[in-house]
Amino acid sequence: EGSVNTHSLSDQIHVIGGTYGWRFDQAEDALVLQARFTFVLD
């Protein structure tokens, strides 16, 4: 949550980015990988 930021290029065009965690349950353990993301949205 603290990582998300948004830049508005116009009323409809936006860039939103930050980081997210991907959790994969494998047998009795969980693998959590962190990644950064950016979306360009209309």
PDB file of all heavy atoms in Angstrom:
ATOM      1  N   GLU A   1       0.781  -1.234   0.000  1.00  0.00           N
ATOM      2  CA  GLU A   1       0.000   0.000   0.000  1.00  0.00           C
ATOM      3  C   GLU A   1       0.814   1.287   0.000  1.00  0.00           C
ATOM      4  O   GLU A   1       0.489   2.220  -0.697  1.00  0.00           O
ATOM      5  CB  GLU A   1      -0.991   0.003   1.163  1.00  0.00           C
ATOM      6  CG  GLU A   1      -2.123  -0.972   0.979  1.00  0.00           C
ATOM      7  CD  GLU A   1      -2.929  -0.740  -0.290  1.00  0.00           C
ATOM      8  OE1 GLU A   1      -3.056   0.407  -0.750  1.00  0.00           O
ATOM      9  OE2 GLU A   1      -3.435  -1.735  -0.836  1.00  0.00           O
ATOM     10  N   GLY A   2       1.859   1.366   0.767  1.00  0.00           N
ATOM     11  CA  GLY A   2       2.642   2.598   0.828  1.00  0.00           C
ATOM     12  C   GLY A   2       3.422   2.907  -0.436  1.00  0.00           C
ATOM     13  O   GLY A   2       3.969   3.994  -0.577  1.00  0.00           O
ATOM     14  N   SER A   3       3.450   1.958  -1.362  1.00  0.00           N
ATOM     15  CA  SER A   3       4.279   2.117  -2.556  1.00  0.00           C
ATOM     16  C   SER A   3       3.540   2.726  -3.747  1.00  0.00           C
ATOM     17  O   SER A   3       4.167   3.128  -4.722  1.00  0.00           O
ATOM     18  CB  SER A   3       4.834   0.753  -2.990  1.00  0.00           C
ATOM     19  OG  SER A   3       3.806  -0.046  -3.570  1.00  0.00           O
ATOM     20  N   VAL A   4       2.223   2.783  -3.710  1.00  0.00           N
ATOM     21  CA  VAL A   4       1.443   3.154  -4.893  1.00  0.00           C
ATOM     22  C   VAL A   4       1.492   4.658  -5.133  1.00  0.00           C
ATOM     23  O   VAL A   4       1.300   5.462  -4.212  1.00  0.00           O
ATOM     24  CB  VAL A   4      -0.027   2.694  -4.747  1.00  0.00           C
ATOM     25  CG1 VAL A   4      -0.864   3.126  -5.936  1.00  0.00           C
ATOM     26  CG2 VAL A   4      -0.088   1.181  -4.573  1.00  0.00           C
ATOM     27  N   ASN A   5       1.778   5.019  -6.378  1.00  0.00           N
ATOM     28  CA  ASN A   5       1.707   6.429  -6.769  1.00  0.00           C
ATOM     29  C   ASN A   5       1.072   6.538  -8.145  1.00  0.00           C
ATOM     30  O   ASN A   5       1.155   5.613  -8.947  1.00  0.00           O
ATOM     31  CB  ASN A   5       3.081   7.102  -6.711  1.00  0.00           C
ATOM     32  CG  ASN A   5       4.067   6.465  -7.651  1.00  0.00           C
ATOM     33  OD1 ASN A   5       3.917   6.558  -8.857  1.00  0.00           O
ATOM     34  ND2 ASN A   5       5.074   5.806  -7.115  1.00  0.00           N
ATOM     35  N   THR A   6       0.421   7.656  -8.362  1.00  0.00           N
ATOM     36  CA  THR A   6      -0.318   7.876  -9.600  1.00  0.00           C
ATOM     37  C   THR A   6       0.084   9.209 -10.196  1.00  0.00           C
ATOM     38  O   THR A   6       0.254  10.196  -9.477  1.00  0.00           O
ATOM     39  CB  THR A   6      -1.839   7.885  -9.324  1.00  0.00           C
ATOM     40  OG1 THR A   6      -2.207   6.658  -8.703  1.00  0.00           O
ATOM     41  CG2 THR A   6      -2.631   8.047 -10.598  1.00  0.00           C
ATOM     42  N   HIS A   7       0.228   9.220 -11.517  1.00  0.00           N
ATOM     43  CA  HIS A   7       0.480  10.451 -12.271  1.00  0.00           C
ATOM     44  C   HIS A   7      -0.619  10.560 -13.318  1.00  0.00           C
ATOM     45  O   HIS A   7      -0.816   9.642 -14.110  1.00  0.00           O
ATOM     46  CB  HIS A   7       1.850  10.416 -12.952  1.00  0.00           C
ATOM     47  CG  HIS A   7       2.982  10.303 -11.985  1.00  0.00           C
ATOM     48  ND1 HIS A   7       3.453  11.358 -11.257  1.00  0.00           N
ATOM     49  CD2 HIS A   7       3.698   9.226 -11.589  1.00  0.00           C
ATOM     50  CE1 HIS A   7       4.433  10.952 -10.471  1.00  0.00           C
ATOM     51  NE2 HIS A   7       4.598   9.656 -10.649  1.00  0.00           N
ATOM     52  N   SER A   8      -1.322  11.664 -13.301  1.00  0.00           N
ATOM     53  CA  SER A   8      -2.385  11.893 -14.281  1.00  0.00           C
ATOM     54  C   SER A   8      -1.823  12.712 -15.429  1.00  0.00           C
ATOM     55  O   SER A   8      -1.311  13.807 -15.223  1.00  0.00           O
ATOM     56  CB  SER A   8      -3.554  12.620 -13.627  1.00  0.00           C
ATOM     57  OG  SER A   8      -4.098  11.818 -12.603  1.00  0.00           O
ATOM     58  N   LEU A   9      -1.911  12.161 -16.631  1.00  0.00           N
ATOM     59  CA  LEU A   9      -1.415  12.847 -17.817  1.00  0.00           C
ATOM     60  C   LEU A   9      -2.514  13.675 -18.474  1.00  0.00           C
ATOM     61  O   LEU A   9      -2.228  14.606 -19.218  1.00  0.00           O
ATOM     62  CB  LEU A   9      -0.845  11.830 -18.805  1.00  0.00           C
ATOM     63  CG  LEU A   9       0.248  10.915 -18.234  1.00  0.00           C
ATOM     64  CD1 LEU A   9       0.694   9.910 -19.272  1.00  0.00           C
ATOM     65  CD2 LEU A   9       1.422  11.733 -17.725  1.00  0.00           C
ATOM     66  N   SER A  10      -3.756  13.296 -18.210  1.00  0.00           N
ATOM     67  CA  SER A  10      -4.931  14.037 -18.675  1.00  0.00           C
ATOM     68  C   SER A  10      -6.091  13.589 -17.800  1.00  0.00           C
ATOM     69  O   SER A  10      -5.892  12.841 -16.838  1.00  0.00           O
ATOM     70  CB  SER A  10      -5.219  13.746 -20.157  1.00  0.00           C
ATOM     71  OG  SER A  10      -5.737  12.438 -20.318  1.00  0.00           O
ATOM     72  N   ASP A  11      -7.298  14.001 -18.139  1.00  0.00           N
ATOM     73  CA  ASP A  11      -8.457  13.566 -17.359  1.00  0.00           C
ATOM     74  C   ASP A  11      -8.636  12.053 -17.403  1.00  0.00           C
ATOM     75  O   ASP A  11      -9.159  11.463 -16.463  1.00  0.00           O
ATOM     76  CB  ASP A  11      -9.736  14.238 -17.873  1.00  0.00           C
ATOM     77  CG  ASP A  11      -9.801  15.712 -17.515  1.00  0.00           C
ATOM     78  OD1 ASP A  11      -9.043  16.146 -16.627  1.00  0.00           O
ATOM     79  OD2 ASP A  11     -10.614  16.426 -18.128  1.00  0.00           O
ATOM     80  N   GLN A  12      -8.229  11.428 -18.501  1.00  0.00           N
ATOM     81  CA  GLN A  12      -8.473  10.001 -18.695  1.00  0.00           C
ATOM     82  C   GLN A  12      -7.213   9.135 -18.709  1.00  0.00           C
ATOM     83  O   GLN A  12      -7.303   7.938 -18.474  1.00  0.00           O
ATOM     84  CB  GLN A  12      -9.252   9.780 -19.999  1.00  0.00           C
ATOM     85  CG  GLN A  12     -10.632  10.416 -19.992  1.00  0.00           C
ATOM     86  CD  GLN A  12     -11.526   9.878 -18.888  1.00  0.00           C
ATOM     87  OE1 GLN A  12     -11.537   8.681 -18.613  1.00  0.00           O
ATOM     88  NE2 GLN A  12     -12.270  10.760 -18.230  1.00  0.00           N
ATOM     89  N   ILE A  13      -6.067   9.697 -19.006  1.00  0.00           N
ATOM     90  CA  ILE A  13      -4.816   8.931 -19.131  1.00  0.00           C
ATOM     91  C   ILE A  13      -4.023   9.056 -17.831  1.00  0.00           C
ATOM     92  O   ILE A  13      -3.729  10.164 -17.380  1.00  0.00           O
ATOM     93  CB  ILE A  13      -3.956   9.418 -20.310  1.00  0.00           C
ATOM     94  CG1 ILE A  13      -4.756   9.476 -21.601  1.00  0.00           C
ATOM     95  CG2 ILE A  13      -2.701   8.562 -20.446  1.00  0.00           C
ATOM     96  CD1 ILE A  13      -5.193   8.143 -22.138  1.00  0.00           C
ATOM     97  N   HIS A  14      -3.693   7.891 -17.257  1.00  0.00           N
ATOM     98  CA  HIS A  14      -2.994   7.866 -15.971  1.00  0.00           C
ATOM     99  C   HIS A  14      -1.901   6.802 -15.988  1.00  0.00           C
ATOM    100  O   HIS A  14      -2.010   5.788 -16.679  1.00  0.00           O
ATOM    101  CB  HIS A  14      -3.967   7.528 -14.838  1.00  0.00           C
ATOM    102  CG  HIS A  14      -5.146   8.422 -14.796  1.00  0.00           C
ATOM    103  ND1 HIS A  14      -5.144   9.619 -14.128  1.00  0.00           N
ATOM    104  CD2 HIS A  14      -6.380   8.293 -15.354  1.00  0.00           C
ATOM    105  CE1 HIS A  14      -6.321  10.199 -14.270  1.00  0.00           C
ATOM    106  NE2 HIS A  14      -7.096   9.413 -15.012  1.00  0.00           N
ATOM    107  N   VAL A  15      -0.880   7.044 -15.180  1.00  0.00           N
ATOM    108  CA  VAL A  15       0.156   6.057 -14.913  1.00  0.00           C
ATOM    109  C   VAL A  15       0.081   5.761 -13.423  1.00  0.00           C
ATOM    110  O   VAL A  15       0.093   6.681 -12.599  1.00  0.00           O
ATOM    111  CB  VAL A  15       1.563   6.589 -15.289  1.00  0.00           C
ATOM    112  CG1 VAL A  15       2.627   5.558 -14.946  1.00  0.00           C
ATOM    113  CG2 VAL A  15       1.618   6.990 -16.751  1.00  0.00           C
ATOM    114  N   ILE A  16      -0.038   4.494 -13.093  1.00  0.00           N
ATOM    115  CA  ILE A  16      -0.063   4.082 -11.689  1.00  0.00           C
ATOM    116  C   ILE A  16       1.007   3.006 -11.507  1.00  0.00           C
ATOM    117  O   ILE A  16       1.159   2.122 -12.345  1.00  0.00           O
ATOM    118  CB  ILE A  16      -1.466   3.589 -11.247  1.00  0.00           C
ATOM    119  CG1 ILE A  16      -1.487   3.317  -9.742  1.00  0.00           C
ATOM    120  CG2 ILE A  16      -1.948   2.420 -12.067  1.00  0.00           C
ATOM    121  CD1 ILE A  16      -2.885   3.104  -9.169  1.00  0.00           C
ATOM    122  N   GLY A  17       1.774   3.154 -10.448  1.00  0.00           N
ATOM    123  CA  GLY A  17       2.853   2.201 -10.214  1.00  0.00           C
ATOM    124  C   GLY A  17       3.099   1.995  -8.738  1.00  0.00           C
ATOM    125  O   GLY A  17       2.552   2.704  -7.889  1.00  0.00           O
ATOM    126  N   GLY A  18       3.920   1.023  -8.464  1.00  0.00           N
ATOM    127  CA  GLY A  18       4.278   0.695  -7.092  1.00  0.00           C
ATOM    128  C   GLY A  18       4.896  -0.677  -7.032  1.00  0.00           C
ATOM    129  O   GLY A  18       5.496  -1.148  -8.008  1.00  0.00           O
ATOM    130  N   THR A  19       4.722  -1.324  -5.902  1.00  0.00           N
ATOM    131  CA  THR A  19       5.219  -2.691  -5.755  1.00  0.00           C
ATOM    132  C   THR A  19       4.095  -3.579  -5.246  1.00  0.00           C
ATOM    133  O   THR A  19       3.151  -3.118  -4.602  1.00  0.00           O
ATOM    134  CB  THR A  19       6.421  -2.779  -4.786  1.00  0.00           C
ATOM    135  OG1 THR A  19       6.030  -2.316  -3.494  1.00  0.00           O
ATOM    136  CG2 THR A  19       7.604  -1.979  -5.307  1.00  0.00           C
ATOM    137  N   TYR A  20       4.213  -4.854  -5.584  1.00  0.00           N
ATOM    138  CA  TYR A  20       3.267  -5.848  -5.103  1.00  0.00           C
ATOM    139  C   TYR A  20       3.997  -7.133  -4.797  1.00  0.00           C
ATOM    140  O   TYR A  20       5.110  -7.369  -5.240  1.00  0.00           O
ATOM    141  CB  TYR A  20       2.091  -6.080  -6.033  1.00  0.00           C
ATOM    142  CG  TYR A  20       2.301  -6.213  -7.538  1.00  0.00           C
ATOM    143  CD1 TYR A  20       3.459  -6.678  -8.119  1.00  0.00           C
ATOM    144  CD2 TYR A  20       1.250  -5.882  -8.400  1.00  0.00           C
ATOM    145  CE1 TYR A  20       3.583  -6.804  -9.499  1.00  0.00           C
ATOM    146  CE2 TYR A  20       1.368  -6.002  -9.780  1.00  0.00           C
ATOM    147  CZ  TYR A  20       2.539  -6.472 -10.323  1.00  0.00           C
ATOM    148  OH  TYR A  20       2.668  -6.599 -11.683  1.00  0.00           O
ATOM    149  N   GLY A  21       3.354  -7.948  -3.951  1.00  0.00           N
ATOM    150  CA  GLY A  21       3.906  -9.244  -3.590  1.00  0.00           C
ATOM    151  C   GLY A  21       3.100 -10.342  -4.247  1.00  0.00           C
ATOM    152  O   GLY A  21       1.876 -10.299  -4.272  1.00  0.00           O
ATOM    153  N   TRP A  22       3.804 -11.307  -4.815  1.00  0.00           N
ATOM    154  CA  TRP A  22       3.190 -12.498  -5.415  1.00  0.00           C
ATOM    155  C   TRP A  22       3.443 -13.665  -4.484  1.00  0.00           C
ATOM    156  O   TRP A  22       4.593 -13.989  -4.182  1.00  0.00           O
ATOM    157  CB  TRP A  22       3.826 -12.788  -6.772  1.00  0.00           C
ATOM    158  CG  TRP A  22       3.488 -11.795  -7.827  1.00  0.00           C
ATOM    159  CD1 TRP A  22       4.109 -10.606  -8.070  1.00  0.00           C
ATOM    160  CD2 TRP A  22       2.465 -11.911  -8.811  1.00  0.00           C
ATOM    161  NE1 TRP A  22       3.525  -9.980  -9.138  1.00  0.00           N
ATOM    162  CE2 TRP A  22       2.514 -10.757  -9.617  1.00  0.00           C
ATOM    163  CE3 TRP A  22       1.500 -12.892  -9.080  1.00  0.00           C
ATOM    164  CZ2 TRP A  22       1.640 -10.558 -10.668  1.00  0.00           C
ATOM    165  CZ3 TRP A  22       0.634 -12.690 -10.133  1.00  0.00           C
ATOM    166  CH2 TRP A  22       0.711 -11.535 -10.916  1.00  0.00           C
ATOM    167  N   ARG A  23       2.378 -14.286  -4.031  1.00  0.00           N
ATOM    168  CA  ARG A  23       2.492 -15.428  -3.109  1.00  0.00           C
ATOM    169  C   ARG A  23       2.091 -16.696  -3.850  1.00  0.00           C
ATOM    170  O   ARG A  23       1.026 -16.769  -4.461  1.00  0.00           O
ATOM    171  CB  ARG A  23       1.578 -15.230  -1.908  1.00  0.00           C
ATOM    172  CG  ARG A  23       1.604 -16.378  -0.933  1.00  0.00           C
ATOM    173  CD  ARG A  23       0.530 -16.180   0.150  1.00  0.00           C
ATOM    174  NE  ARG A  23       0.430 -17.368   0.960  1.00  0.00           N
ATOM    175  CZ  ARG A  23       1.006 -17.519   2.140  1.00  0.00           C
ATOM    176  NH1 ARG A  23       1.725 -16.536   2.655  1.00  0.00           N
ATOM    177  NH2 ARG A  23       0.867 -18.641   2.814  1.00  0.00           N
ATOM    178  N   PHE A  24       2.966 -17.689  -3.782  1.00  0.00           N
ATOM    179  CA  PHE A  24       2.713 -19.001  -4.367  1.00  0.00           C
ATOM    180  C   PHE A  24       2.807 -20.018  -3.241  1.00  0.00           C
ATOM    181  O   PHE A  24       3.847 -20.122  -2.593  1.00  0.00           O
ATOM    182  CB  PHE A  24       3.753 -19.344  -5.442  1.00  0.00           C
ATOM    183  CG  PHE A  24       3.799 -18.389  -6.585  1.00  0.00           C
ATOM    184  CD1 PHE A  24       4.627 -17.271  -6.548  1.00  0.00           C
ATOM    185  CD2 PHE A  24       3.014 -18.600  -7.710  1.00  0.00           C
ATOM    186  CE1 PHE A  24       4.669 -16.388  -7.611  1.00  0.00           C
ATOM    187  CE2 PHE A  24       3.057 -17.720  -8.776  1.00  0.00           C
ATOM    188  CZ  PHE A  24       3.883 -16.613  -8.729  1.00  0.00           C
ATOM    189  N   ASP A  25       1.733 -20.742  -2.990  1.00  0.00           N
ATOM    190  CA  ASP A  25       1.776 -21.806  -1.989  1.00  0.00           C
ATOM    191  C   ASP A  25       2.338 -23.046  -2.650  1.00  0.00           C
ATOM    192  O   ASP A  25       1.809 -23.515  -3.654  1.00  0.00           O
ATOM    193  CB  ASP A  25       0.387 -22.092  -1.434  1.00  0.00           C
ATOM    194  CG  ASP A  25      -0.092 -20.979  -0.514  1.00  0.00           C
ATOM    195  OD1 ASP A  25       0.759 -20.256   0.026  1.00  0.00           O
ATOM    196  OD2 ASP A  25      -1.307 -20.834  -0.351  1.00  0.00           O
ATOM    197  N   GLN A  26       3.414 -23.552  -2.095  1.00  0.00           N
ATOM    198  CA  GLN A  26       4.070 -24.739  -2.630  1.00  0.00           C
ATOM    199  C   GLN A  26       4.210 -25.747  -1.504  1.00  0.00           C
ATOM    200  O   GLN A  26       4.974 -25.525  -0.574  1.00  0.00           O
ATOM    201  CB  GLN A  26       5.430 -24.388  -3.216  1.00  0.00           C
ATOM    202  CG  GLN A  26       5.318 -23.410  -4.361  1.00  0.00           C
ATOM    203  CD  GLN A  26       6.666 -23.077  -4.961  1.00  0.00           C
ATOM    204  OE1 GLN A  26       7.706 -23.341  -4.383  1.00  0.00           O
ATOM    205  NE2 GLN A  26       6.630 -22.493  -6.138  1.00  0.00           N
ATOM    206  N   ALA A  27       3.445 -26.824  -1.619  1.00  0.00           N
ATOM    207  CA  ALA A  27       3.405 -27.865  -0.584  1.00  0.00           C
ATOM    208  C   ALA A  27       3.042 -27.212   0.747  1.00  0.00           C
ATOM    209  O   ALA A  27       1.996 -26.601   0.852  1.00  0.00           O
ATOM    210  CB  ALA A  27       4.719 -28.622  -0.528  1.00  0.00           C
ATOM    211  N   GLU A  28       3.913 -27.295   1.718  1.00  0.00           N
ATOM    212  CA  GLU A  28       3.610 -26.714   3.031  1.00  0.00           C
ATOM    213  C   GLU A  28       4.213 -25.333   3.197  1.00  0.00           C
ATOM    214  O   GLU A  28       4.030 -24.696   4.231  1.00  0.00           O
ATOM    215  CB  GLU A  28       4.114 -27.653   4.124  1.00  0.00           C
ATOM    216  CG  GLU A  28       3.396 -28.991   4.124  1.00  0.00           C
ATOM    217  CD  GLU A  28       3.930 -29.924   5.183  1.00  0.00           C
ATOM    218  OE1 GLU A  28       4.578 -29.453   6.121  1.00  0.00           O
ATOM    219  OE2 GLU A  28       3.690 -31.131   5.051  1.00  0.00           O
ATOM    220  N   ASP A  29       4.946 -24.868   2.200  1.00  0.00           N
ATOM    221  CA  ASP A  29       5.612 -23.575   2.290  1.00  0.00           C
ATOM    222  C   ASP A  29       4.962 -22.587   1.321  1.00  0.00           C
ATOM    223  O   ASP A  29       4.275 -22.957   0.383  1.00  0.00           O
ATOM    224  CB  ASP A  29       7.095 -23.711   1.932  1.00  0.00           C
ATOM    225  CG  ASP A  29       7.854 -24.550   2.943  1.00  0.00           C
ATOM    226  OD1 ASP A  29       7.535 -24.456   4.143  1.00  0.00           O
ATOM    227  OD2 ASP A  29       8.755 -25.301   2.522  1.00  0.00           O
ATOM    228  N   ALA A  30       5.240 -21.330   1.556  1.00  0.00           N
ATOM    229  CA  ALA A  30       4.798 -20.285   0.639  1.00  0.00           C
ATOM    230  C   ALA A  30       6.018 -19.535   0.140  1.00  0.00           C
ATOM    231  O   ALA A  30       6.938 -19.232   0.897  1.00  0.00           O
ATOM    232  CB  ALA A  30       3.840 -19.331   1.339  1.00  0.00           C
ATOM    233  N   LEU A  31       6.014 -19.275  -1.141  1.00  0.00           N
ATOM    234  CA  LEU A  31       7.057 -18.478  -1.762  1.00  0.00           C
ATOM    235  C   LEU A  31       6.446 -17.110  -2.042  1.00  0.00           C
ATOM    236  O   LEU A  31       5.390 -17.021  -2.680  1.00  0.00           O
ATOM    237  CB  LEU A  31       7.510 -19.134  -3.066  1.00  0.00           C
ATOM    238  CG  LEU A  31       8.485 -18.352  -3.935  1.00  0.00           C
ATOM    239  CD1 LEU A  31       9.810 -18.152  -3.202  1.00  0.00           C
ATOM    240  CD2 LEU A  31       8.706 -19.088  -5.249  1.00  0.00           C
ATOM    241  N   VAL A  32       7.065 -16.038  -1.545  1.00  0.00           N
ATOM    242  CA  VAL A  32       6.580 -14.690  -1.784  1.00  0.00           C
ATOM    243  C   VAL A  32       7.673 -13.925  -2.525  1.00  0.00           C
ATOM    244  O   VAL A  32       8.807 -13.829  -2.049  1.00  0.00           O
ATOM    245  CB  VAL A  32       6.203 -13.958  -0.480  1.00  0.00           C
ATOM    246  CG1 VAL A  32       5.737 -12.540  -0.782  1.00  0.00           C
ATOM    247  CG2 VAL A  32       5.135 -14.731   0.278  1.00  0.00           C
ATOM    248  N   LEU A  33       7.311 -13.425  -3.698  1.00  0.00           N
ATOM    249  CA  LEU A  33       8.236 -12.648  -4.519  1.00  0.00           C
ATOM    250  C   LEU A  33       7.721 -11.228  -4.641  1.00  0.00           C
ATOM    251  O   LEU A  33       6.527 -11.011  -4.870  1.00  0.00           O
ATOM    252  CB  LEU A  33       8.360 -13.284  -5.908  1.00  0.00           C
ATOM    253  CG  LEU A  33       8.837 -14.731  -5.923  1.00  0.00           C
ATOM    254  CD1 LEU A  33       8.713 -15.323  -7.316  1.00  0.00           C
ATOM    255  CD2 LEU A  33      10.274 -14.812  -5.436  1.00  0.00           C
ATOM    256  N   GLN A  34       8.609 -10.276  -4.486  1.00  0.00           N
ATOM    257  CA  GLN A  34       8.238  -8.868  -4.606  1.00  0.00           C
ATOM    258  C   GLN A  34       8.559  -8.381  -6.018  1.00  0.00           C
ATOM    259  O   GLN A  34       9.578  -8.762  -6.603  1.00  0.00           O
ATOM    260  CB  GLN A  34       9.002  -8.025  -3.587  1.00  0.00           C
ATOM    261  CG  GLN A  34       8.666  -8.354  -2.138  1.00  0.00           C
ATOM    262  CD  GLN A  34       7.219  -8.051  -1.803  1.00  0.00           C
ATOM    263  OE1 GLN A  34       6.693  -6.998  -2.144  1.00  0.00           O
ATOM    264  NE2 GLN A  34       6.564  -8.984  -1.128  1.00  0.00           N
ATOM    265  N   ALA A  35       7.678  -7.553  -6.549  1.00  0.00           N
ATOM    266  CA  ALA A  35       7.872  -7.010  -7.891  1.00  0.00           C
ATOM    267  C   ALA A  35       7.399  -5.566  -7.925  1.00  0.00           C
ATOM    268  O   ALA A  35       6.581  -5.141  -7.112  1.00  0.00           O
ATOM    269  CB  ALA A  35       7.096  -7.844  -8.917  1.00  0.00           C
ATOM    270  N   ARG A  36       7.927  -4.826  -8.870  1.00  0.00           N
ATOM    271  CA  ARG A  36       7.453  -3.462  -9.115  1.00  0.00           C
ATOM    272  C   ARG A  36       6.535  -3.501 -10.329  1.00  0.00           C
ATOM    273  O   ARG A  36       6.682  -4.379 -11.196  1.00  0.00           O
ATOM    274  CB  ARG A  36       8.622  -2.513  -9.315  1.00  0.00           C
ATOM    275  CG  ARG A  36       9.541  -2.951 -10.414  1.00  0.00           C
ATOM    276  CD  ARG A  36      10.868  -2.201 -10.389  1.00  0.00           C
ATOM    277  NE  ARG A  36      11.865  -3.147 -10.851  1.00  0.00           N
ATOM    278  CZ  ARG A  36      13.091  -3.206 -10.424  1.00  0.00           C
ATOM    279  NH1 ARG A  36      13.522  -2.383  -9.511  1.00  0.00           N
ATOM    280  NH2 ARG A  36      13.928  -4.090 -10.897  1.00  0.00           N
ATOM    281  N   PHE A  37       5.604  -2.569 -10.404  1.00  0.00           N
ATOM    282  CA  PHE A  37       4.660  -2.548 -11.520  1.00  0.00           C
ATOM    283  C   PHE A  37       4.383  -1.122 -11.967  1.00  0.00           C
ATOM    284  O   PHE A  37       4.488  -0.176 -11.184  1.00  0.00           O
ATOM    285  CB  PHE A  37       3.336  -3.227 -11.150  1.00  0.00           C
ATOM    286  CG  PHE A  37       2.542  -2.485 -10.105  1.00  0.00           C
ATOM    287  CD1 PHE A  37       1.652  -1.480 -10.469  1.00  0.00           C
ATOM    288  CD2 PHE A  37       2.682  -2.786  -8.765  1.00  0.00           C
ATOM    289  CE1 PHE A  37       0.917  -0.795  -9.514  1.00  0.00           C
ATOM    290  CE2 PHE A  37       1.952  -2.100  -7.804  1.00  0.00           C
ATOM    291  CZ  PHE A  37       1.075  -1.108  -8.173  1.00  0.00           C
ATOM    292  N   THR A  38       4.033  -1.006 -13.229  1.00  0.00           N
ATOM    293  CA  THR A  38       3.538   0.236 -13.803  1.00  0.00           C
ATOM    294  C   THR A  38       2.433  -0.116 -14.787  1.00  0.00           C
ATOM    295  O   THR A  38       2.603  -1.029 -15.611  1.00  0.00           O
ATOM    296  CB  THR A  38       4.646   1.002 -14.559  1.00  0.00           C
ATOM    297  OG1 THR A  38       5.731   1.228 -13.680  1.00  0.00           O
ATOM    298  CG2 THR A  38       4.134   2.324 -15.099  1.00  0.00           C
ATOM    299  N   PHE A  39       1.317   0.575 -14.681  1.00  0.00           N
ATOM    300  CA  PHE A  39       0.231   0.476 -15.648  1.00  0.00           C
ATOM    301  C   PHE A  39       0.036   1.838 -16.287  1.00  0.00           C
ATOM    302  O   PHE A  39       0.035   2.851 -15.577  1.00  0.00           O
ATOM    303  CB  PHE A  39      -1.094   0.106 -14.974  1.00  0.00           C
ATOM    304  CG  PHE A  39      -1.190  -1.302 -14.481  1.00  0.00           C
ATOM    305  CD1 PHE A  39      -0.836  -1.623 -13.181  1.00  0.00           C
ATOM    306  CD2 PHE A  39      -1.673  -2.312 -15.297  1.00  0.00           C
ATOM    307  CE1 PHE A  39      -0.947  -2.918 -12.705  1.00  0.00           C
ATOM    308  CE2 PHE A  39      -1.784  -3.618 -14.831  1.00  0.00           C
ATOM    309  CZ  PHE A  39      -1.419  -3.917 -13.537  1.00  0.00           C
ATOM    310  N   VAL A  40      -0.150   1.880 -17.595  1.00  0.00           N
ATOM    311  CA  VAL A  40      -0.629   3.070 -18.288  1.00  0.00           C
ATOM    312  C   VAL A  40      -2.079   2.773 -18.633  1.00  0.00           C
ATOM    313  O   VAL A  40      -2.374   1.776 -19.292  1.00  0.00           O
ATOM    314  CB  VAL A  40       0.184   3.374 -19.559  1.00  0.00           C
ATOM    315  CG1 VAL A  40      -0.393   4.593 -20.280  1.00  0.00           C
ATOM    316  CG2 VAL A  40       1.660   3.594 -19.210  1.00  0.00           C
ATOM    317  N   LEU A  41      -2.983   3.636 -18.158  1.00  0.00           N
ATOM    318  CA  LEU A  41      -4.412   3.399 -18.270  1.00  0.00           C
ATOM    319  C   LEU A  41      -5.101   4.531 -19.017  1.00  0.00           C
ATOM    320  O   LEU A  41      -4.775   5.698 -18.804  1.00  0.00           O
ATOM    321  CB  LEU A  41      -5.036   3.308 -16.871  1.00  0.00           C
ATOM    322  CG  LEU A  41      -4.440   2.295 -15.903  1.00  0.00           C
ATOM    323  CD1 LEU A  41      -4.966   2.540 -14.489  1.00  0.00           C
ATOM    324  CD2 LEU A  41      -4.758   0.884 -16.357  1.00  0.00           C
ATOM    325  N   ASP A  42      -6.058   4.171 -19.850  1.00  0.00           N
ATOM    326  CA  ASP A  42      -6.970   5.135 -20.464  1.00  0.00           C
ATOM    327  C   ASP A  42      -8.353   4.806 -19.916  1.00  0.00           C
ATOM    328  O   ASP A  42      -9.005   3.866 -20.376  1.00  0.00           O
ATOM    329  CB  ASP A  42      -6.942   5.032 -21.986  1.00  0.00           C
ATOM    330  CG  ASP A  42      -7.847   6.050 -22.657  1.00  0.00           C
ATOM    331  OD1 ASP A  42      -8.703   6.658 -21.970  1.00  0.00           O
ATOM    332  OD2 ASP A  42      -7.711   6.241 -23.883  1.00  0.00           O
TER     333      ASP A  42
END
